[in-house]
Structure formats: structure tokens, C-alpha cells
Amino acid sequence: MNPQSTATDQETVIHAMHDAFHCRNFQAGAQLFAPIFNNHGVQLPREAIIAVWTDICTRFPDARLGIVTLSAEEHPLGRGGRLS
């Protein structure tokens, strides 16, 4: 994500990611990530999102993501997600 992007831009992307997950449109959700992104210190290709989301939804068909509001000081994006 562009470091100059606004909180509104980031919120829009996070909501789009959650919408893609809820609609099970994993390809669209993966496009919201950089081609190579950092996940908990590990660099992964965006195809990893498709694999992980597919696995989660296969094991837990009713899986949903929820948005948890955080302050910008606590999280670089100011918002985070939680699987529920």
C-alpha cells in the first residue's frame, strides 16, 4: 500500500478484502495484496491468500472475518481483522 495513502483509502481496501472473503471471491481478495507481501515476518506471494482462505473455508464453511478497530499507534493501518 502506498505510504501516502489516507486512512479512508486503507479502510476501503480492508472492507473490500473482507467482502471478498465473505463472498468467497478469493481471487479478488488476493488482488488487494502486493504481489509479494509480508505476513508476520514471512514474505509470501499473493497466491498464498487464496490457499489459506480456501483452507479456512473448507475446514470452517461458516467462517467470517470481522473488523476490529485499533488506534493508529497500535497498528500501522489503524485497523485489523479477526477471524470469527
C-alpha atoms as a PDB file:
ATOM      1  CA  MET A   1       0.000   0.000   0.000  1.00  0.00           C
ATOM      2  CA  ASN A   2       1.237   3.486  -0.761  1.00  0.00           C
ATOM      3  CA  PRO A   3       2.661   5.046   2.421  1.00  0.00           C
ATOM      4  CA  GLN A   4       0.961   8.311   1.404  1.00  0.00           C
ATOM      5  CA  SER A   5      -2.490   6.703   1.268  1.00  0.00           C
ATOM      6  CA  THR A   6      -5.115   8.014   3.618  1.00  0.00           C
ATOM      7  CA  ALA A   7      -6.907   6.199   6.405  1.00  0.00           C
ATOM      8  CA  THR A   8     -10.028   6.288   4.213  1.00  0.00           C
ATOM      9  CA  ASP A   9      -8.139   4.532   1.389  1.00  0.00           C
ATOM     10  CA  GLN A  10      -6.909   1.890   3.818  1.00  0.00           C
ATOM     11  CA  GLU A  11     -10.374   1.397   5.265  1.00  0.00           C
ATOM     12  CA  THR A  12     -11.804   0.950   1.754  1.00  0.00           C
ATOM     13  CA  VAL A  13      -9.222  -1.739   0.965  1.00  0.00           C
ATOM     14  CA  ILE A  14      -9.821  -3.551   4.249  1.00  0.00           C
ATOM     15  CA  HIS A  15     -13.599  -3.570   3.676  1.00  0.00           C
ATOM     16  CA  ALA A  16     -13.052  -4.836   0.101  1.00  0.00           C
ATOM     17  CA  MET A  17     -10.836  -7.640   1.437  1.00  0.00           C
ATOM     18  CA  HIS A  18     -13.491  -8.662   3.953  1.00  0.00           C
ATOM     19  CA  ASP A  19     -16.223  -8.506   1.295  1.00  0.00           C
ATOM     20  CA  ALA A  20     -14.167 -10.751  -0.996  1.00  0.00           C
ATOM     21  CA  PHE A  21     -13.711 -13.269   1.833  1.00  0.00           C
ATOM     22  CA  HIS A  22     -17.413 -13.263   2.712  1.00  0.00           C
ATOM     23  CA  CYS A  23     -18.367 -13.759  -0.955  1.00  0.00           C
ATOM     24  CA  ARG A  24     -15.676 -16.453  -1.241  1.00  0.00           C
ATOM     25  CA  ASN A  25     -14.148 -14.477  -4.141  1.00  0.00           C
ATOM     26  CA  PHE A  26     -10.582 -15.306  -3.113  1.00  0.00           C
ATOM     27  CA  GLN A  27      -9.044 -14.224  -6.418  1.00  0.00           C
ATOM     28  CA  ALA A  28     -10.446 -10.706  -5.999  1.00  0.00           C
ATOM     29  CA  GLY A  29      -9.304 -10.600  -2.381  1.00  0.00           C
ATOM     30  CA  ALA A  30      -5.793 -11.675  -3.316  1.00  0.00           C
ATOM     31  CA  GLN A  31      -5.536  -8.805  -5.806  1.00  0.00           C
ATOM     32  CA  LEU A  32      -5.745  -6.388  -2.877  1.00  0.00           C
ATOM     33  CA  PHE A  33      -2.367  -7.641  -1.622  1.00  0.00           C
ATOM     34  CA  ALA A  34       1.021  -6.780  -3.100  1.00  0.00           C
ATOM     35  CA  PRO A  35       2.433  -9.493  -5.416  1.00  0.00           C
ATOM     36  CA  ILE A  36       4.833 -10.360  -2.578  1.00  0.00           C
ATOM     37  CA  PHE A  37       3.675  -9.289   0.894  1.00  0.00           C
ATOM     38  CA  ASN A  38       4.921  -9.646   4.453  1.00  0.00           C
ATOM     39  CA  ASN A  39       2.783 -11.761   6.791  1.00  0.00           C
ATOM     40  CA  HIS A  40       4.125 -11.998  10.341  1.00  0.00           C
ATOM     41  CA  GLY A  41       7.685 -11.600   9.099  1.00  0.00           C
ATOM     42  CA  VAL A  42       7.378 -14.081   6.222  1.00  0.00           C
ATOM     43  CA  GLN A  43       7.322 -12.911   2.602  1.00  0.00           C
ATOM     44  CA  LEU A  44       4.600 -14.670   0.641  1.00  0.00           C
ATOM     45  CA  PRO A  45       3.118 -14.441  -2.860  1.00  0.00           C
ATOM     46  CA  ARG A  46      -0.478 -13.275  -3.082  1.00  0.00           C
ATOM     47  CA  GLU A  47      -1.453 -16.804  -4.169  1.00  0.00           C
ATOM     48  CA  ALA A  48      -0.873 -17.758  -0.527  1.00  0.00           C
ATOM     49  CA  ILE A  49      -4.007 -15.778   0.395  1.00  0.00           C
ATOM     50  CA  ILE A  50      -6.079 -17.912  -1.958  1.00  0.00           C
ATOM     51  CA  ALA A  51      -4.615 -21.107  -0.489  1.00  0.00           C
ATOM     52  CA  VAL A  52      -5.116 -20.032   3.139  1.00  0.00           C
ATOM     53  CA  TRP A  53      -8.636 -18.668   2.620  1.00  0.00           C
ATOM     54  CA  THR A  54      -9.618 -21.824   0.701  1.00  0.00           C
ATOM     55  CA  ASP A  55      -8.268 -23.996   3.512  1.00  0.00           C
ATOM     56  CA  ILE A  56     -10.052 -21.960   6.201  1.00  0.00           C
ATOM     57  CA  CYS A  57     -13.378 -22.079   4.364  1.00  0.00           C
ATOM     58  CA  THR A  58     -13.050 -25.789   3.615  1.00  0.00           C
ATOM     59  CA  ARG A  59     -12.434 -26.572   7.265  1.00  0.00           C
ATOM     60  CA  PHE A  60     -14.864 -23.955   8.593  1.00  0.00           C
ATOM     61  CA  PRO A  61     -17.602 -23.321   5.995  1.00  0.00           C
ATOM     62  CA  ASP A  62     -19.268 -20.653   8.141  1.00  0.00           C
ATOM     63  CA  ALA A  63     -16.043 -18.675   8.703  1.00  0.00           C
ATOM     64  CA  ARG A  64     -16.412 -14.881   8.660  1.00  0.00           C
ATOM     65  CA  LEU A  65     -13.949 -12.039   9.084  1.00  0.00           C
ATOM     66  CA  GLY A  66     -14.678  -9.200  11.457  1.00  0.00           C
ATOM     67  CA  ILE A  67     -13.075  -5.766  11.530  1.00  0.00           C
ATOM     68  CA  VAL A  68     -11.613  -4.730  14.857  1.00  0.00           C
ATOM     69  CA  THR A  69     -10.930  -1.027  15.301  1.00  0.00           C
ATOM     70  CA  LEU A  70      -7.450  -0.198  16.586  1.00  0.00           C
ATOM     71  CA  SER A  71      -5.736   3.111  17.104  1.00  0.00           C
ATOM     72  CA  ALA A  72      -3.121   4.093  14.540  1.00  0.00           C
ATOM     73  CA  GLU A  73      -0.469   3.908  17.246  1.00  0.00           C
ATOM     74  CA  GLU A  74      -1.211   0.230  17.817  1.00  0.00           C
ATOM     75  CA  HIS A  75      -1.320  -0.896  14.188  1.00  0.00           C
ATOM     76  CA  PRO A  76       0.279   0.617  11.075  1.00  0.00           C
ATOM     77  CA  LEU A  77      -3.035   0.535   9.196  1.00  0.00           C
ATOM     78  CA  GLY A  78      -5.105   1.646  12.137  1.00  0.00           C
ATOM     79  CA  ARG A  79      -7.449  -1.340  11.677  1.00  0.00           C
ATOM     80  CA  GLY A  80      -7.105  -5.060  11.827  1.00  0.00           C
ATOM     81  CA  GLY A  81      -9.071  -8.180  11.074  1.00  0.00           C
ATOM     82  CA  ARG A  82     -10.160 -11.097  13.170  1.00  0.00           C
ATOM     83  CA  LEU A  83     -11.402 -14.455  12.023  1.00  0.00           C
ATOM     84  CA  SER A  84     -14.609 -15.444  13.742  1.00  0.00           C
END
